[in-house]
PDB file of N, CA and C in Angstrom:
ATOM      1  N   UNK A   1      -5.867  -6.584  15.742  1.00  0.00           N
ATOM      2  CA  UNK A   1      -4.668  -6.998  16.463  1.00  0.00           C
ATOM      3  C   UNK A   1      -3.453  -7.024  15.531  1.00  0.00           C
ATOM      4  N   UNK A   2      -3.660  -7.525  14.291  1.00  0.00           N
ATOM      5  CA  UNK A   2      -2.565  -7.590  13.325  1.00  0.00           C
ATOM      6  C   UNK A   2      -2.000  -6.196  13.064  1.00  0.00           C
ATOM      7  N   UNK A   3      -2.877  -5.229  12.793  1.00  0.00           N
ATOM      8  CA  UNK A   3      -2.422  -3.874  12.492  1.00  0.00           C
ATOM      9  C   UNK A   3      -1.763  -3.219  13.698  1.00  0.00           C
ATOM     10  N   UNK A   4      -2.260  -3.501  14.899  1.00  0.00           N
ATOM     11  CA  UNK A   4      -1.627  -2.968  16.102  1.00  0.00           C
ATOM     12  C   UNK A   4      -0.199  -3.484  16.236  1.00  0.00           C
ATOM     13  N   UNK A   5       0.018  -4.769  15.903  1.00  0.00           N
ATOM     14  CA  UNK A   5       1.359  -5.353  15.963  1.00  0.00           C
ATOM     15  C   UNK A   5       2.296  -4.718  14.957  1.00  0.00           C
ATOM     16  N   UNK A   6       1.809  -4.493  13.748  1.00  0.00           N
ATOM     17  CA  UNK A   6       2.628  -3.844  12.716  1.00  0.00           C
ATOM     18  C   UNK A   6       2.988  -2.429  13.150  1.00  0.00           C
ATOM     19  N   UNK A   7       2.012  -1.700  13.666  1.00  0.00           N
ATOM     20  CA  UNK A   7       2.259  -0.324  14.110  1.00  0.00           C
ATOM     21  C   UNK A   7       3.312  -0.295  15.215  1.00  0.00           C
ATOM     22  N   UNK A   8       3.236  -1.213  16.146  1.00  0.00           N
ATOM     23  CA  UNK A   8       4.209  -1.269  17.242  1.00  0.00           C
ATOM     24  C   UNK A   8       5.613  -1.540  16.708  1.00  0.00           C
ATOM     25  N   UNK A   9       5.730  -2.429  15.713  1.00  0.00           N
ATOM     26  CA  UNK A   9       7.042  -2.738  15.133  1.00  0.00           C
ATOM     27  C   UNK A   9       7.616  -1.548  14.372  1.00  0.00           C
ATOM     28  N   UNK A  10       6.754  -0.742  13.737  1.00  0.00           N
ATOM     29  CA  UNK A  10       7.232   0.406  12.968  1.00  0.00           C
ATOM     30  C   UNK A  10       7.756   1.512  13.876  1.00  0.00           C
ATOM     31  N   UNK A  11       7.129   1.697  15.018  1.00  0.00           N
ATOM     32  CA  UNK A  11       7.545   2.765  15.913  1.00  0.00           C
ATOM     33  C   UNK A  11       7.321   4.123  15.276  1.00  0.00           C
ATOM     34  N   UNK A  12       7.860   5.135  15.868  1.00  0.00           N
ATOM     35  CA  UNK A  12       7.740   6.472  15.304  1.00  0.00           C
ATOM     36  C   UNK A  12       6.290   6.862  15.100  1.00  0.00           C
ATOM     37  N   UNK A  13       6.081   7.725  14.128  1.00  0.00           N
ATOM     38  CA  UNK A  13       4.724   8.196  13.855  1.00  0.00           C
ATOM     39  C   UNK A  13       4.111   7.349  12.757  1.00  0.00           C
ATOM     40  N   UNK A  14       3.213   6.489  13.125  1.00  0.00           N
ATOM     41  CA  UNK A  14       2.483   5.687  12.158  1.00  0.00           C
ATOM     42  C   UNK A  14       1.032   5.630  12.599  1.00  0.00           C
ATOM     43  N   UNK A  15       0.181   5.338  11.659  1.00  0.00           N
ATOM     44  CA  UNK A  15      -1.243   5.301  11.939  1.00  0.00           C
ATOM     45  C   UNK A  15      -1.874   4.266  11.026  1.00  0.00           C
ATOM     46  N   UNK A  16      -2.911   3.613  11.492  1.00  0.00           N
ATOM     47  CA  UNK A  16      -3.657   2.719  10.621  1.00  0.00           C
ATOM     48  C   UNK A  16      -5.137   3.028  10.734  1.00  0.00           C
ATOM     49  N   UNK A  17      -5.847   2.801   9.661  1.00  0.00           N
ATOM     50  CA  UNK A  17      -7.295   2.944   9.628  1.00  0.00           C
ATOM     51  C   UNK A  17      -7.866   1.761   8.864  1.00  0.00           C
ATOM     52  N   UNK A  18      -9.103   1.436   9.150  1.00  0.00           N
ATOM     53  CA  UNK A  18      -9.794   0.387   8.415  1.00  0.00           C
ATOM     54  C   UNK A  18     -10.955   1.059   7.694  1.00  0.00           C
ATOM     55  N   UNK A  19     -10.942   0.976   6.358  1.00  0.00           N
ATOM     56  CA  UNK A  19     -11.936   1.646   5.527  1.00  0.00           C
ATOM     57  C   UNK A  19     -12.405   0.675   4.461  1.00  0.00           C
ATOM     58  N   UNK A  20     -13.694   0.672   4.165  1.00  0.00           N
ATOM     59  CA  UNK A  20     -14.216  -0.177   3.107  1.00  0.00           C
ATOM     60  C   UNK A  20     -14.149   0.555   1.772  1.00  0.00           C
ATOM     61  N   UNK A  21     -13.934  -0.199   0.690  1.00  0.00           N
ATOM     62  CA  UNK A  21     -13.906   0.370  -0.652  1.00  0.00           C
ATOM     63  C   UNK A  21     -12.863  -0.325  -1.499  1.00  0.00           C
ATOM     64  N   UNK A  22     -12.652   0.179  -2.707  1.00  0.00           N
ATOM     65  CA  UNK A  22     -11.614  -0.345  -3.598  1.00  0.00           C
ATOM     66  C   UNK A  22     -10.263   0.020  -3.003  1.00  0.00           C
ATOM     67  N   UNK A  23      -9.426  -0.981  -2.779  1.00  0.00           N
ATOM     68  CA  UNK A  23      -8.178  -0.799  -2.024  1.00  0.00           C
ATOM     69  C   UNK A  23      -7.328   0.365  -2.530  1.00  0.00           C
ATOM     70  N   UNK A  24      -7.030   0.396  -3.808  1.00  0.00           N
ATOM     71  CA  UNK A  24      -6.137   1.439  -4.335  1.00  0.00           C
ATOM     72  C   UNK A  24      -6.734   2.826  -4.143  1.00  0.00           C
ATOM     73  N   UNK A  25      -8.017   2.966  -4.428  1.00  0.00           N
ATOM     74  CA  UNK A  25      -8.662   4.275  -4.277  1.00  0.00           C
ATOM     75  C   UNK A  25      -8.712   4.715  -2.821  1.00  0.00           C
ATOM     76  N   UNK A  26      -8.974   3.779  -1.920  1.00  0.00           N
ATOM     77  CA  UNK A  26      -9.017   4.105  -0.493  1.00  0.00           C
ATOM     78  C   UNK A  26      -7.635   4.519  -0.003  1.00  0.00           C
ATOM     79  N   UNK A  27      -6.602   3.814  -0.428  1.00  0.00           N
ATOM     80  CA  UNK A  27      -5.234   4.163  -0.027  1.00  0.00           C
ATOM     81  C   UNK A  27      -4.892   5.576  -0.482  1.00  0.00           C
ATOM     82  N   UNK A  28      -5.183   5.892  -1.726  1.00  0.00           N
ATOM     83  CA  UNK A  28      -4.894   7.224  -2.268  1.00  0.00           C
ATOM     84  C   UNK A  28      -5.705   8.293  -1.534  1.00  0.00           C
ATOM     85  N   UNK A  29      -6.998   8.043  -1.351  1.00  0.00           N
ATOM     86  CA  UNK A  29      -7.862   9.020  -0.675  1.00  0.00           C
ATOM     87  C   UNK A  29      -7.410   9.274   0.760  1.00  0.00           C
ATOM     88  N   UNK A  30      -7.076   8.209   1.490  1.00  0.00           N
ATOM     89  CA  UNK A  30      -6.647   8.359   2.881  1.00  0.00           C
ATOM     90  C   UNK A  30      -5.307   9.089   2.970  1.00  0.00           C
ATOM     91  N   UNK A  31      -4.384   8.758   2.084  1.00  0.00           N
ATOM     92  CA  UNK A  31      -3.080   9.432   2.085  1.00  0.00           C
ATOM     93  C   UNK A  31      -3.248  10.921   1.818  1.00  0.00           C
ATOM     94  N   UNK A  32      -4.127  11.243   0.880  1.00  0.00           N
ATOM     95  CA  UNK A  32      -4.380  12.654   0.563  1.00  0.00           C
ATOM     96  C   UNK A  32      -5.064  13.361   1.739  1.00  0.00           C
ATOM     97  N   UNK A  33      -6.089  12.730   2.313  1.00  0.00           N
ATOM     98  CA  UNK A  33      -6.836  13.344   3.411  1.00  0.00           C
ATOM     99  C   UNK A  33      -5.954  13.591   4.630  1.00  0.00           C
ATOM    100  N   UNK A  34      -5.003  12.709   4.870  1.00  0.00           N
ATOM    101  CA  UNK A  34      -4.129  12.829   6.038  1.00  0.00           C
ATOM    102  C   UNK A  34      -2.825  13.545   5.716  1.00  0.00           C
ATOM    103  N   UNK A  35      -2.696  14.028   4.469  1.00  0.00           N
ATOM    104  CA  UNK A  35      -1.495  14.722   4.016  1.00  0.00           C
ATOM    105  C   UNK A  35      -0.247  13.894   4.333  1.00  0.00           C
ATOM    106  N   UNK A  36      -0.316  12.609   3.985  1.00  0.00           N
ATOM    107  CA  UNK A  36       0.791  11.687   4.251  1.00  0.00           C
ATOM    108  C   UNK A  36       2.041  12.096   3.485  1.00  0.00           C
ATOM    109  N   UNK A  37       3.176  11.969   4.123  1.00  0.00           N
ATOM    110  CA  UNK A  37       4.437  12.281   3.469  1.00  0.00           C
ATOM    111  C   UNK A  37       4.934  11.139   2.598  1.00  0.00           C
ATOM    112  N   UNK A  38       4.423   9.922   2.848  1.00  0.00           N
ATOM    113  CA  UNK A  38       4.895   8.753   2.117  1.00  0.00           C
ATOM    114  C   UNK A  38       3.881   7.625   2.265  1.00  0.00           C
ATOM    115  N   UNK A  39       3.629   6.917   1.164  1.00  0.00           N
ATOM    116  CA  UNK A  39       2.824   5.701   1.190  1.00  0.00           C
ATOM    117  C   UNK A  39       3.789   4.534   1.060  1.00  0.00           C
ATOM    118  N   UNK A  40       3.762   3.624   2.018  1.00  0.00           N
ATOM    119  CA  UNK A  40       4.622   2.440   1.972  1.00  0.00           C
ATOM    120  C   UNK A  40       3.736   1.222   1.767  1.00  0.00           C
ATOM    121  N   UNK A  41       4.061   0.429   0.736  1.00  0.00           N
ATOM    122  CA  UNK A  41       3.253  -0.747   0.406  1.00  0.00           C
ATOM    123  C   UNK A  41       4.159  -1.922   0.094  1.00  0.00           C
ATOM    124  N   UNK A  42       3.648  -3.112   0.332  1.00  0.00           N
ATOM    125  CA  UNK A  42       4.354  -4.302  -0.135  1.00  0.00           C
ATOM    126  C   UNK A  42       3.757  -4.713  -1.474  1.00  0.00           C
ATOM    127  N   UNK A  43       4.539  -5.448  -2.246  1.00  0.00           N
ATOM    128  CA  UNK A  43       4.096  -5.888  -3.565  1.00  0.00           C
ATOM    129  C   UNK A  43       4.531  -7.328  -3.776  1.00  0.00           C
ATOM    130  N   UNK A  44       3.685  -8.103  -4.438  1.00  0.00           N
ATOM    131  CA  UNK A  44       4.041  -9.476  -4.774  1.00  0.00           C
ATOM    132  C   UNK A  44       5.019  -9.515  -5.939  1.00  0.00           C
ATOM    133  N   UNK A  45       5.161  -8.414  -6.654  1.00  0.00           N
ATOM    134  CA  UNK A  45       6.091  -8.369  -7.774  1.00  0.00           C
ATOM    135  C   UNK A  45       5.584  -9.093  -9.008  1.00  0.00           C
ATOM    136  N   UNK A  46       4.272  -9.262  -9.107  1.00  0.00           N
ATOM    137  CA  UNK A  46       3.722  -9.896 -10.301  1.00  0.00           C
ATOM    138  C   UNK A  46       3.890  -8.963 -11.484  1.00  0.00           C
ATOM    139  N   UNK A  47       4.143  -9.531 -12.605  1.00  0.00           N
ATOM    140  CA  UNK A  47       4.260  -8.722 -13.813  1.00  0.00           C
ATOM    141  C   UNK A  47       3.475  -9.360 -14.931  1.00  0.00           C
ATOM    142  N   UNK A  48       3.478  -8.700 -16.059  1.00  0.00           N
ATOM    143  CA  UNK A  48       2.894  -9.261 -17.269  1.00  0.00           C
ATOM    144  C   UNK A  48       1.466  -9.707 -17.120  1.00  0.00           C
ATOM    145  N   UNK A  49       1.198 -10.939 -17.544  1.00  0.00           N
ATOM    146  CA  UNK A  49      -0.150 -11.475 -17.586  1.00  0.00           C
ATOM    147  C   UNK A  49      -0.792 -11.567 -16.207  1.00  0.00           C
ATOM    148  N   UNK A  50      -0.018 -11.922 -15.189  1.00  0.00           N
ATOM    149  CA  UNK A  50      -0.559 -12.008 -13.836  1.00  0.00           C
ATOM    150  C   UNK A  50      -1.141 -10.686 -13.370  1.00  0.00           C
ATOM    151  N   UNK A  51      -0.459  -9.595 -13.665  1.00  0.00           N
ATOM    152  CA  UNK A  51      -0.947  -8.278 -13.260  1.00  0.00           C
ATOM    153  C   UNK A  51      -2.164  -7.889 -14.083  1.00  0.00           C
ATOM    154  N   UNK A  52      -2.151  -8.223 -15.378  1.00  0.00           N
ATOM    155  CA  UNK A  52      -3.282  -7.884 -16.245  1.00  0.00           C
ATOM    156  C   UNK A  52      -4.538  -8.615 -15.790  1.00  0.00           C
ATOM    157  N   UNK A  53      -4.413  -9.887 -15.460  1.00  0.00           N
ATOM    158  CA  UNK A  53      -5.573 -10.689 -15.079  1.00  0.00           C
ATOM    159  C   UNK A  53      -6.096 -10.344 -13.695  1.00  0.00           C
ATOM    160  N   UNK A  54      -5.217 -10.078 -12.742  1.00  0.00           N
ATOM    161  CA  UNK A  54      -5.633  -9.832 -11.364  1.00  0.00           C
ATOM    162  C   UNK A  54      -5.607  -8.356 -10.982  1.00  0.00           C
ATOM    163  N   UNK A  55      -5.014  -7.528 -11.813  1.00  0.00           N
ATOM    164  CA  UNK A  55      -4.872  -6.123 -11.460  1.00  0.00           C
ATOM    165  C   UNK A  55      -3.763  -5.945 -10.447  1.00  0.00           C
ATOM    166  N   UNK A  56      -3.408  -4.734 -10.187  1.00  0.00           N
ATOM    167  CA  UNK A  56      -2.360  -4.469  -9.213  1.00  0.00           C
ATOM    168  C   UNK A  56      -2.715  -3.217  -8.431  1.00  0.00           C
ATOM    169  N   UNK A  57      -2.985  -3.404  -7.150  1.00  0.00           N
ATOM    170  CA  UNK A  57      -3.277  -2.275  -6.281  1.00  0.00           C
ATOM    171  C   UNK A  57      -2.069  -1.343  -6.253  1.00  0.00           C
ATOM    172  N   UNK A  58      -0.880  -1.922  -6.082  1.00  0.00           N
ATOM    173  CA  UNK A  58       0.342  -1.116  -6.014  1.00  0.00           C
ATOM    174  C   UNK A  58       0.544  -0.310  -7.294  1.00  0.00           C
ATOM    175  N   UNK A  59       0.317  -0.933  -8.436  1.00  0.00           N
ATOM    176  CA  UNK A  59       0.484  -0.236  -9.712  1.00  0.00           C
ATOM    177  C   UNK A  59      -0.491   0.936  -9.820  1.00  0.00           C
ATOM    178  N   UNK A  60      -1.724   0.718  -9.416  1.00  0.00           N
ATOM    179  CA  UNK A  60      -2.727   1.791  -9.463  1.00  0.00           C
ATOM    180  C   UNK A  60      -2.321   2.954  -8.553  1.00  0.00           C
ATOM    181  N   UNK A  61      -1.868   2.621  -7.336  1.00  0.00           N
ATOM    182  CA  UNK A  61      -1.446   3.670  -6.400  1.00  0.00           C
ATOM    183  C   UNK A  61      -0.258   4.436  -6.973  1.00  0.00           C
ATOM    184  N   UNK A  62       0.712   3.711  -7.535  1.00  0.00           N
ATOM    185  CA  UNK A  62       1.875   4.375  -8.142  1.00  0.00           C
ATOM    186  C   UNK A  62       1.473   5.349  -9.238  1.00  0.00           C
ATOM    187  N   UNK A  63       0.517   4.939 -10.059  1.00  0.00           N
ATOM    188  CA  UNK A  63       0.115   5.747 -11.208  1.00  0.00           C
ATOM    189  C   UNK A  63      -0.767   6.940 -10.844  1.00  0.00           C
ATOM    190  N   UNK A  64      -1.503   6.856  -9.722  1.00  0.00           N
ATOM    191  CA  UNK A  64      -2.517   7.865  -9.445  1.00  0.00           C
ATOM    192  C   UNK A  64      -2.305   8.689  -8.185  1.00  0.00           C
ATOM    193  N   UNK A  65      -1.339   8.351  -7.365  1.00  0.00           N
ATOM    194  CA  UNK A  65      -1.132   9.085  -6.114  1.00  0.00           C
ATOM    195  C   UNK A  65      -0.260  10.316  -6.332  1.00  0.00           C
ATOM    196  N   UNK A  66      -0.620  11.389  -5.639  1.00  0.00           N
ATOM    197  CA  UNK A  66       0.236  12.584  -5.681  1.00  0.00           C
ATOM    198  C   UNK A  66       1.325  12.507  -4.600  1.00  0.00           C
ATOM    199  N   UNK A  67       1.168  11.608  -3.630  1.00  0.00           N
ATOM    200  CA  UNK A  67       2.190  11.394  -2.608  1.00  0.00           C
ATOM    201  C   UNK A  67       3.231  10.402  -3.120  1.00  0.00           C
ATOM    202  N   UNK A  68       4.460  10.510  -2.634  1.00  0.00           N
ATOM    203  CA  UNK A  68       5.470   9.518  -3.016  1.00  0.00           C
ATOM    204  C   UNK A  68       5.091   8.139  -2.478  1.00  0.00           C
ATOM    205  N   UNK A  69       5.467   7.098  -3.238  1.00  0.00           N
ATOM    206  CA  UNK A  69       5.128   5.718  -2.889  1.00  0.00           C
ATOM    207  C   UNK A  69       6.414   4.902  -2.823  1.00  0.00           C
ATOM    208  N   UNK A  70       6.587   4.149  -1.732  1.00  0.00           N
ATOM    209  CA  UNK A  70       7.703   3.234  -1.577  1.00  0.00           C
ATOM    210  C   UNK A  70       7.146   1.825  -1.617  1.00  0.00           C
ATOM    211  N   UNK A  71       7.548   1.032  -2.630  1.00  0.00           N
ATOM    212  CA  UNK A  71       7.117  -0.343  -2.747  1.00  0.00           C
ATOM    213  C   UNK A  71       8.209  -1.270  -2.231  1.00  0.00           C
ATOM    214  N   UNK A  72       7.807  -2.222  -1.410  1.00  0.00           N
ATOM    215  CA  UNK A  72       8.722  -3.216  -0.878  1.00  0.00           C
ATOM    216  C   UNK A  72       8.290  -4.553  -1.442  1.00  0.00           C
ATOM    217  N   UNK A  73       9.164  -5.183  -2.215  1.00  0.00           N
ATOM    218  CA  UNK A  73       8.827  -6.459  -2.837  1.00  0.00           C
ATOM    219  C   UNK A  73       8.907  -7.581  -1.807  1.00  0.00           C
ATOM    220  N   UNK A  74       7.837  -8.377  -1.746  1.00  0.00           N
ATOM    221  CA  UNK A  74       7.813  -9.519  -0.834  1.00  0.00           C
ATOM    222  C   UNK A  74       8.800 -10.576  -1.318  1.00  0.00           C
ATOM    223  N   UNK A  75       9.504 -11.179  -0.380  1.00  0.00           N
ATOM    224  CA  UNK A  75      10.444 -12.238  -0.727  1.00  0.00           C
ATOM    225  C   UNK A  75       9.683 -13.543  -0.925  1.00  0.00           C
ATOM    226  N   UNK A  76       9.990 -14.252  -1.989  1.00  0.00           N
ATOM    227  CA  UNK A  76       9.371 -15.546  -2.245  1.00  0.00           C
ATOM    228  C   UNK A  76      10.201 -16.620  -1.541  1.00  0.00           C
ATOM    229  N   UNK A  77       9.547 -17.544  -0.835  1.00  0.00           N
ATOM    230  CA  UNK A  77      10.245 -18.658  -0.216  1.00  0.00           C
ATOM    231  C   UNK A  77      10.645 -19.632  -1.302  1.00  0.00           C
ATOM    232  N   UNK A  78      11.907 -20.071  -1.305  1.00  0.00           N
ATOM    233  CA  UNK A  78      12.388 -20.997  -2.327  1.00  0.00           C
ATOM    234  C   UNK A  78      12.283 -22.430  -1.865  1.00  0.00           C
TER     235      UNK A  78
END
């Protein structure tokens, strides 16, 4: 239901799939298989030690995808 709501808000040509596996690798594989023109992802904007300790799906996708990637930084509530 959540993904259906996001897809409806995006409009235009969008698609979602649910696949098991390592998130970054699945995102890259699916984008390649579907010949996606763009990968759009949100990011928590963690840097430094936080990224080293927890890893970064967005960073992995940026480094390994042949498709262009658009990262949208999540806003932190103050």
